[in-house]
């Protein structure tokens, strides 16, 4: 596997990790499937910090890769030669332009061409029209590639999340040369996940909190996220090695002496599980500042992620305990007639929030990029306005400039 992985922008993976835990966190019959994964390098420590992200290169379904190769009349056992942009053959094993010499065609497709999850772009349809031999297919492809057909193409392609393989199967008279397919098929991309473990506690492991992505298209076709579905299907301790890269995240690791105000509904709690775990380990050997954490989910019974973990650290002298100046507050949005979200809990606990801010707390927000970050920011501004009587947005902007107001969101 490793020679083909040199095609990726960061070169070879930093780590090839083994999955040792694949645990469902949400209730079995609940519509949302959120998993806790533990990935391990048994032989050595992994270099990472809390707040970092792990990028994973997923494997495509072999049957989809085989179907693509068959549909395109390619020989899976043939070898292809990759050349640099200048046209010179690349020496075997070199990383010039992310390229190298001979490689098996089926391996190249599986590890570099997203045939089974990525949607093709408009230009793909334009080029297909040149290779269509059936007149009705040629006309439809030309229409899709025209300005007049843009809306219909959007409905057919993007809204339905059609894959390259599905599009090719819908136009059976099209036979594009492999050189065109390589250029026009979306590249297989790595997926990034917030790390939810502390290296102090798990030096040779990385934990992830992953929502298994699945949705219905307008035509009621079920679509699934490539990487999350692949991870969910892996059995712990089998001989599956996962290509991984550690990247600096957008949440800088805080010093133990800085109080923390954390807001992370849903899988937004992932980086904060790492923060809490790290601070608990630090508090065993030095004096640490408290943590105030606001978590949100739909129901206490269905999707209260890491419930026991948070409650353990909120007891006695834990880093989330009221006794130590911290706190843990949960918003269950659907457990009562009116919806309750993290921003409502922030306003309810305005005195605690204000005290934390006055003691020099850093604010961290993580989760969905929809309305949540704006609603949380508005709630914090309201607390500052009520309690501090000064320009709220100015206060938060100062914190941002000082690197003490950090937001990490994903769609």
Protein backbone atom coordinates (compact mmCIF):
# COMPACT_ATOMS: atom_id res chain seq x y z
CA UNK A 1 0.00 0.00 0.00
CA UNK A 2 2.65 2.56 0.94
CA UNK A 3 4.14 3.29 -2.53
CA UNK A 4 0.73 4.38 -3.86
CA UNK A 5 0.15 6.56 -0.79
CA UNK A 6 3.05 8.74 -1.92
CA UNK A 7 0.62 10.28 -4.39
CA UNK A 8 -1.05 12.26 -1.61
CA UNK A 9 -0.15 15.87 -0.98
CA UNK A 10 1.56 15.19 2.34
CA UNK A 11 3.50 12.23 1.01
CA UNK A 12 3.46 8.97 2.91
CA UNK A 13 1.29 8.68 6.04
CA UNK A 14 2.96 9.63 9.32
CA UNK A 15 1.30 6.64 10.96
CA UNK A 16 -0.38 3.39 9.96
CA UNK A 17 -2.69 2.85 12.93
CA UNK A 18 -4.68 -0.18 14.01
CA UNK A 19 -8.25 0.10 15.30
CA UNK A 20 -8.55 -1.43 18.77
CA UNK A 21 -11.99 -0.08 19.81
CA UNK A 22 -15.16 0.53 17.77
CA UNK A 23 -17.91 1.43 20.25
CA UNK A 24 -21.34 2.88 19.55
CA UNK A 25 -22.10 5.83 21.88
CA UNK A 26 -25.72 6.44 20.91
CA UNK A 27 -28.54 4.04 21.75
CA UNK A 28 -28.78 1.07 19.36
CA UNK A 29 -32.24 1.91 18.01
CA UNK A 30 -31.54 5.66 17.79
CA UNK A 31 -31.44 7.26 14.33
CA UNK A 32 -28.02 8.87 14.85
CA UNK A 33 -25.04 6.54 15.01
CA UNK A 34 -22.07 8.14 16.82
CA UNK A 35 -18.98 6.01 17.45
CA UNK A 36 -15.96 6.12 19.73
CA UNK A 37 -12.88 4.81 17.89
CA UNK A 38 -9.50 4.06 19.43
CA UNK A 39 -6.57 3.82 17.00
CA UNK A 40 -3.22 2.53 18.17
CA UNK A 41 0.40 2.27 17.21
CA UNK A 42 1.48 -0.68 19.36
CA UNK A 43 5.18 -0.14 18.73
CA UNK A 44 5.70 3.56 19.49
CA UNK A 45 4.23 6.78 20.86
CA UNK A 46 2.26 9.09 18.56
CA UNK A 47 3.28 12.73 18.49
CA UNK A 48 0.19 14.93 18.99
CA UNK A 49 -1.36 17.57 21.26
CA UNK A 50 -4.89 18.20 22.49
CA UNK A 51 -6.70 20.36 19.94
CA UNK A 52 -5.01 18.58 17.02
CA UNK A 53 -6.87 16.86 14.20
CA UNK A 54 -6.28 13.44 12.68
CA UNK A 55 -6.55 13.11 8.91
CA UNK A 56 -7.48 9.66 7.60
CA UNK A 57 -7.30 8.33 4.05
CA UNK A 58 -10.33 6.02 3.75
CA UNK A 59 -10.46 2.84 1.72
CA UNK A 60 -13.03 2.57 -1.04
CA UNK A 61 -15.33 -0.41 -1.35
CA UNK A 62 -13.39 -2.93 -3.51
CA UNK A 63 -16.58 -3.87 -5.39
CA UNK A 64 -17.07 -0.21 -6.42
CA UNK A 65 -13.45 0.01 -7.61
CA UNK A 66 -13.89 -3.24 -9.57
CA UNK A 67 -17.17 -2.01 -11.06
CA UNK A 68 -15.45 1.22 -12.20
CA UNK A 69 -12.57 -0.68 -13.79
CA UNK A 70 -15.00 -3.03 -15.53
CA UNK A 71 -17.28 -0.20 -16.72
CA UNK A 72 -14.28 1.64 -18.20
CA UNK A 73 -12.92 -1.53 -19.89
CA UNK A 74 -9.62 -1.27 -18.01
CA UNK A 75 -7.23 -4.09 -17.21
CA UNK A 76 -6.87 -4.13 -13.39
CA UNK A 77 -3.63 -6.12 -13.56
CA UNK A 78 -1.88 -3.80 -15.99
CA UNK A 79 0.82 -1.45 -14.77
CA UNK A 80 0.81 2.25 -15.54
CA UNK A 81 3.69 4.71 -15.50
CA UNK A 82 3.19 8.06 -13.84
CA UNK A 83 5.10 10.99 -15.31
CA UNK A 84 5.82 14.39 -13.82
CA UNK A 85 4.20 17.45 -15.40
CA UNK A 86 7.33 18.12 -17.47
CA UNK A 87 6.89 14.75 -19.14
CA UNK A 88 9.94 13.01 -17.66
CA UNK A 89 9.42 9.61 -16.15
CA UNK A 90 9.70 9.77 -12.40
CA UNK A 91 12.23 7.57 -10.69
CA UNK A 92 10.69 4.80 -8.62
CA UNK A 93 9.90 5.92 -5.09
CA UNK A 94 10.57 9.62 -5.64
CA UNK A 95 8.07 12.23 -4.44
CA UNK A 96 8.55 14.71 -7.30
CA UNK A 97 5.11 16.28 -7.97
CA UNK A 98 3.65 13.56 -5.77
CA UNK A 99 4.42 11.07 -8.54
CA UNK A 100 6.44 7.93 -9.12
CA UNK A 101 7.09 5.17 -11.62
CA UNK A 102 5.19 1.96 -12.32
CA UNK A 103 2.13 1.08 -10.29
CA UNK A 104 -0.70 -1.41 -10.70
CA UNK A 105 -3.74 0.26 -12.25
CA UNK A 106 -6.25 -1.18 -9.74
CA UNK A 107 -4.11 0.04 -6.81
CA UNK A 108 -3.81 3.49 -8.34
CA UNK A 109 -7.61 3.76 -8.81
CA UNK A 110 -8.37 2.48 -5.29
CA UNK A 111 -6.01 4.89 -3.52
CA UNK A 112 -6.17 8.07 -5.60
CA UNK A 113 -9.45 8.28 -7.59
CA UNK A 114 -12.74 8.88 -5.74
CA UNK A 115 -15.01 6.77 -7.95
CA UNK A 116 -17.66 5.86 -5.37
CA UNK A 117 -18.37 8.97 -3.26
CA UNK A 118 -17.22 12.13 -5.05
CA UNK A 119 -19.57 13.89 -7.51
CA UNK A 120 -18.05 14.89 -10.87
CA UNK A 121 -17.91 18.55 -11.96
CA UNK A 122 -19.64 20.14 -14.96
CA UNK A 123 -16.53 19.74 -17.14
CA UNK A 124 -16.77 15.96 -16.66
CA UNK A 125 -20.13 16.01 -18.53
CA UNK A 126 -18.73 18.23 -21.27
CA UNK A 127 -15.85 15.83 -21.96
CA UNK A 128 -18.20 12.81 -21.73
CA UNK A 129 -20.30 14.33 -24.54
CA UNK A 130 -17.30 14.11 -26.90
CA UNK A 131 -16.97 10.38 -26.25
CA UNK A 132 -20.69 9.47 -26.36
CA UNK A 133 -21.62 7.33 -29.38
CA UNK A 134 -25.39 7.20 -28.74
CA UNK A 135 -26.98 10.39 -30.09
CA UNK A 136 -29.54 10.80 -27.26
CA UNK A 137 -26.77 10.49 -24.64
CA UNK A 138 -24.59 13.01 -26.49
CA UNK A 139 -27.47 15.52 -26.60
CA UNK A 140 -28.27 15.10 -22.90
CA UNK A 141 -24.61 15.51 -21.90
CA UNK A 142 -24.25 18.61 -24.11
CA UNK A 143 -27.38 20.05 -22.47
CA UNK A 144 -26.00 19.34 -18.96
CA UNK A 145 -22.74 21.09 -19.92
CA UNK A 146 -24.55 24.15 -21.31
CA UNK A 147 -25.59 27.28 -19.34
CA UNK A 148 -29.27 26.38 -19.96
CA UNK A 149 -28.83 22.96 -18.41
CA UNK A 150 -27.09 24.14 -15.25
CA UNK A 151 -30.13 23.82 -12.97
CA UNK A 152 -31.06 20.37 -14.28
CA UNK A 153 -27.45 19.23 -13.90
CA UNK A 154 -27.50 20.47 -10.29
CA UNK A 155 -30.68 18.46 -9.59
CA UNK A 156 -29.32 15.33 -11.31
CA UNK A 157 -25.75 15.47 -10.01
CA UNK A 158 -25.04 17.48 -6.84
CA UNK A 159 -28.47 17.20 -5.17
CA UNK A 160 -28.45 13.44 -5.67
CA UNK A 161 -24.73 13.14 -4.75
CA UNK A 162 -24.17 11.02 -7.85
CA UNK A 163 -20.78 9.38 -8.04
CA UNK A 164 -18.46 9.12 -11.03
CA UNK A 165 -19.33 5.43 -11.28
CA UNK A 166 -23.09 6.10 -11.26
CA UNK A 167 -22.79 8.83 -13.90
CA UNK A 168 -20.75 6.55 -16.17
CA UNK A 169 -23.31 3.76 -15.71
CA UNK A 170 -26.12 6.19 -16.70
CA UNK A 171 -24.36 6.87 -20.01
CA UNK A 172 -23.24 3.43 -21.23
CA UNK A 173 -22.17 4.58 -24.71
CA UNK A 174 -19.42 6.79 -23.25
CA UNK A 175 -15.94 5.27 -23.25
CA UNK A 176 -13.33 7.76 -22.07
CA UNK A 177 -9.60 6.99 -22.24
CA UNK A 178 -7.96 6.40 -18.86
CA UNK A 179 -5.85 9.57 -19.28
CA UNK A 180 -9.06 11.63 -19.26
CA UNK A 181 -10.57 9.67 -16.37
CA UNK A 182 -7.46 10.32 -14.23
CA UNK A 183 -7.74 14.07 -14.79
CA UNK A 184 -11.52 14.38 -14.36
CA UNK A 185 -12.31 11.99 -11.49
CA UNK A 186 -12.21 13.82 -8.13
CA UNK A 187 -9.12 12.80 -6.13
CA UNK A 188 -9.66 10.59 -3.09
CA UNK A 189 -9.33 13.04 -0.20
CA UNK A 190 -8.38 12.60 3.41
CA UNK A 191 -11.01 13.30 6.06
CA UNK A 192 -10.15 15.26 9.22
CA UNK A 193 -11.47 14.51 12.72
CA UNK A 194 -10.87 16.29 16.04
CA UNK A 195 -8.80 14.14 18.38
CA UNK A 196 -10.69 13.26 21.58
CA UNK A 197 -7.84 11.88 23.71
CA UNK A 198 -4.86 13.27 25.61
CA UNK A 199 -1.31 12.13 24.76
CA UNK A 200 -0.47 12.31 28.50
CA UNK A 201 -3.04 9.56 29.14
CA UNK A 202 -2.80 7.64 25.85
CA UNK A 203 0.72 8.15 24.43
CA UNK A 204 0.38 5.45 21.75
CA UNK A 205 -3.33 5.90 20.99
CA UNK A 206 -5.59 8.45 19.31
CA UNK A 207 -9.32 8.48 20.11
CA UNK A 208 -11.98 9.86 17.75
CA UNK A 209 -15.67 10.71 18.18
CA UNK A 210 -17.31 10.23 14.79
CA UNK A 211 -20.89 10.62 13.58
CA UNK A 212 -21.57 7.98 10.93
CA UNK A 213 -22.86 10.05 8.03
CA UNK A 214 -25.99 8.94 6.20
CA UNK A 215 -28.68 10.94 4.40
CA UNK A 216 -31.56 10.71 1.95
CA UNK A 217 -31.42 12.52 -1.40
CA UNK A 218 -34.51 14.30 -2.85
CA UNK A 219 -35.27 11.06 -4.74
CA UNK A 220 -35.09 9.12 -1.44
CA UNK A 221 -31.81 7.38 -2.25
CA UNK A 222 -29.67 6.60 0.81
CA UNK A 223 -26.18 8.09 0.67
CA UNK A 224 -23.40 7.36 3.17
CA UNK A 225 -20.23 9.15 4.13
CA UNK A 226 -17.24 7.28 2.70
CA UNK A 227 -14.81 7.57 5.63
CA UNK A 228 -17.20 7.33 8.59
CA UNK A 229 -19.01 4.31 7.09
CA UNK A 230 -15.70 2.59 6.34
CA UNK A 231 -14.44 3.18 9.90
CA UNK A 232 -17.72 1.92 11.39
CA UNK A 233 -17.37 -1.30 9.40
CA UNK A 234 -13.87 -2.12 10.68
CA UNK A 235 -13.56 -4.80 13.34
CA UNK A 236 -11.17 -4.03 16.22
CA UNK A 237 -7.79 -5.79 16.23
CA UNK A 238 -8.09 -7.13 12.70
CA UNK A 239 -5.17 -6.58 10.35
CA UNK A 240 -6.53 -3.32 8.94
CA UNK A 241 -3.98 -0.52 8.99
CA UNK A 242 -5.36 3.00 8.67
CA UNK A 243 -3.21 5.65 6.90
CA UNK A 244 -3.10 8.72 9.21
CA UNK A 245 -1.59 12.18 9.38
CA UNK A 246 -1.67 14.40 12.53
CA UNK A 247 -2.38 18.07 11.83
CA UNK A 248 -2.36 21.11 14.03
CA UNK A 249 -5.98 21.89 14.84
CA UNK A 250 -7.65 25.28 15.15
CA UNK A 251 -7.95 24.88 18.95
CA UNK A 252 -4.58 25.72 20.57
CA UNK A 253 -3.71 23.61 23.63
CA UNK A 254 -4.27 25.72 26.79
CA UNK A 255 -1.83 26.12 29.67
CA UNK A 256 -2.86 24.27 32.86
CA UNK A 257 -3.12 27.60 34.73
CA UNK A 258 -5.79 29.07 32.39
CA UNK A 259 -9.47 28.53 33.35
CA UNK A 260 -11.49 27.10 30.45
CA UNK A 261 -15.01 27.83 29.25
CA UNK A 262 -15.87 25.00 26.83
CA UNK A 263 -19.00 24.82 24.66
CA UNK A 264 -19.41 21.67 22.56
CA UNK A 265 -22.83 20.24 21.65
CA UNK A 266 -23.05 16.86 19.88
CA UNK A 267 -19.76 15.62 18.46
CA UNK A 268 -18.41 19.09 19.23
CA UNK A 269 -17.52 17.53 22.60
CA UNK A 270 -14.71 15.53 20.90
CA UNK A 271 -11.79 17.95 21.43
CA UNK A 272 -13.08 18.79 24.93
CA UNK A 273 -12.96 15.18 26.03
CA UNK A 274 -9.22 15.51 25.27
CA UNK A 275 -8.98 18.84 27.15
CA UNK A 276 -10.69 17.42 30.25
CA UNK A 277 -8.66 14.19 30.16
CA UNK A 278 -5.41 16.17 29.84
CA UNK A 279 -6.25 18.59 32.64
CA UNK A 280 -7.24 15.72 34.94
CA UNK A 281 -3.81 14.13 34.31
CA UNK A 282 -2.07 17.49 34.90
CA UNK A 283 -4.00 18.10 38.15
CA UNK A 284 -2.55 14.91 39.60
CA UNK A 285 0.93 16.49 39.59
CA UNK A 286 0.39 20.29 39.67
CA UNK A 287 -2.16 22.96 40.47
CA UNK A 288 -4.60 23.53 37.57
CA UNK A 289 -7.40 25.99 36.78
CA UNK A 290 -11.06 24.86 36.64
CA UNK A 291 -13.17 23.99 33.57
CA UNK A 292 -16.76 25.06 32.91
CA UNK A 293 -18.26 22.86 30.18
CA UNK A 294 -21.58 23.23 28.35
CA UNK A 295 -22.68 20.15 26.42
CA UNK A 296 -25.83 19.68 24.36
CA UNK A 297 -27.68 16.73 22.82
CA UNK A 298 -31.26 15.76 21.94
CA UNK A 299 -32.15 13.24 24.65
CA UNK A 300 -30.55 12.09 27.87
CA UNK A 301 -31.36 8.47 27.02
CA UNK A 302 -30.39 8.43 23.35
CA UNK A 303 -27.32 10.55 22.65
CA UNK A 304 -25.72 11.73 25.89
CA UNK A 305 -22.18 11.10 24.55
CA UNK A 306 -19.57 10.09 27.18
CA UNK A 307 -22.07 10.59 30.01
CA UNK A 308 -20.06 8.59 32.60
CA UNK A 309 -16.82 10.34 31.64
CA UNK A 310 -18.21 13.85 32.21
CA UNK A 311 -20.04 12.92 35.43
CA UNK A 312 -16.92 11.28 36.88
CA UNK A 313 -14.90 14.48 36.34
CA UNK A 314 -17.75 16.63 37.71
CA UNK A 315 -17.71 14.80 41.08
CA UNK A 316 -15.66 15.40 44.24
CA UNK A 317 -12.50 17.26 43.28
CA UNK A 318 -12.70 16.57 39.54
CA UNK A 319 -11.68 19.25 37.03
CA UNK A 320 -15.37 19.82 36.12
CA UNK A 321 -16.59 19.90 39.73
CA UNK A 322 -18.39 22.86 41.28
CA UNK A 323 -16.20 22.30 44.35
CA UNK A 324 -13.09 23.14 42.28
CA UNK A 325 -14.73 26.19 40.67
CA UNK A 326 -15.76 24.43 37.46
CA UNK A 327 -19.04 22.94 36.32
CA UNK A 328 -20.77 20.65 33.84
CA UNK A 329 -24.13 21.68 32.36
CA UNK A 330 -26.15 19.76 29.76
CA UNK A 331 -28.88 21.00 27.45
CA UNK A 332 -31.24 18.20 26.36
CA UNK A 333 -33.00 19.89 23.46
CA UNK A 334 -35.89 17.41 22.99
CA UNK A 335 -36.60 16.17 26.53
CA UNK A 336 -39.23 18.84 27.22
CA UNK A 337 -41.89 20.66 25.15
CA UNK A 338 -39.73 23.73 24.55
CA UNK A 339 -36.30 23.27 22.94
CA UNK A 340 -33.30 23.94 25.20
CA UNK A 341 -29.86 24.51 23.70
CA UNK A 342 -26.38 25.26 25.06
CA UNK A 343 -26.91 29.02 24.64
CA UNK A 344 -29.88 28.82 27.04
CA UNK A 345 -27.72 27.05 29.64
CA UNK A 346 -25.02 29.71 29.22
CA UNK A 347 -27.58 32.43 30.04
CA UNK A 348 -28.92 30.39 32.99
CA UNK A 349 -25.40 30.12 34.39
CA UNK A 350 -24.48 33.72 33.57
CA UNK A 351 -22.96 34.34 37.04
CA UNK A 352 -20.59 31.36 36.69
CA UNK A 353 -19.73 32.30 33.10
CA UNK A 354 -18.97 35.89 34.11
CA UNK A 355 -16.82 34.77 37.04
CA UNK A 356 -14.83 32.50 34.72
CA UNK A 357 -14.32 35.33 32.22
CA UNK A 358 -13.24 37.69 34.99
CA UNK A 359 -10.67 35.15 36.17
CA UNK A 360 -9.03 35.15 32.72
CA UNK A 361 -10.75 32.14 31.14
CA UNK A 362 -10.18 31.12 27.53
CA UNK A 363 -13.31 30.29 25.52
CA UNK A 364 -13.44 27.31 23.18
CA UNK A 365 -16.43 26.47 20.95
CA UNK A 366 -16.68 23.35 18.76
CA UNK A 367 -19.41 21.69 16.73
CA UNK A 368 -21.76 22.17 13.81
CA UNK A 369 -21.17 25.20 11.60
CA UNK A 370 -24.89 25.96 11.24
CA UNK A 371 -26.48 28.41 13.73
CA UNK A 372 -24.72 27.18 16.86
CA UNK A 373 -21.52 29.35 16.83
CA UNK A 374 -23.49 32.56 16.19
CA UNK A 375 -26.09 31.70 18.87
CA UNK A 376 -23.38 30.86 21.42
CA UNK A 377 -21.47 34.07 20.66
CA UNK A 378 -24.69 36.10 21.07
CA UNK A 379 -25.37 34.41 24.44
CA UNK A 380 -21.83 35.20 25.66
CA UNK A 381 -22.20 38.82 24.53
CA UNK A 382 -25.48 39.05 26.46
CA UNK A 383 -23.81 37.71 29.64
CA UNK A 384 -20.98 40.28 29.31
CA UNK A 385 -23.50 43.10 28.68
CA UNK A 386 -25.64 42.15 31.69
CA UNK A 387 -22.83 41.50 34.13
CA UNK A 388 -20.07 43.79 32.96
CA UNK A 389 -21.96 46.76 31.64
CA UNK A 390 -19.44 47.35 28.84
CA UNK A 391 -19.36 46.81 25.06
CA UNK A 392 -19.81 43.04 24.84
CA UNK A 393 -18.55 42.51 21.31
CA UNK A 394 -15.45 44.52 22.16
CA UNK A 395 -14.74 42.22 25.12
CA UNK A 396 -14.99 39.07 23.00
CA UNK A 397 -12.94 40.64 20.19
CA UNK A 398 -10.16 41.39 22.70
CA UNK A 399 -10.22 37.76 23.80
CA UNK A 400 -10.06 36.68 20.15
CA UNK A 401 -7.06 38.93 19.45
CA UNK A 402 -5.34 37.50 22.53
CA UNK A 403 -5.91 33.94 21.21
CA UNK A 404 -8.40 33.20 24.01
CA UNK A 405 -11.60 32.84 21.99
CA UNK A 406 -11.33 29.90 19.60
CA UNK A 407 -14.01 28.31 17.40
CA UNK A 408 -13.73 25.03 15.47
CA UNK A 409 -16.71 24.10 13.30
CA UNK A 410 -17.54 21.56 10.62
CA UNK A 411 -20.49 21.02 8.28
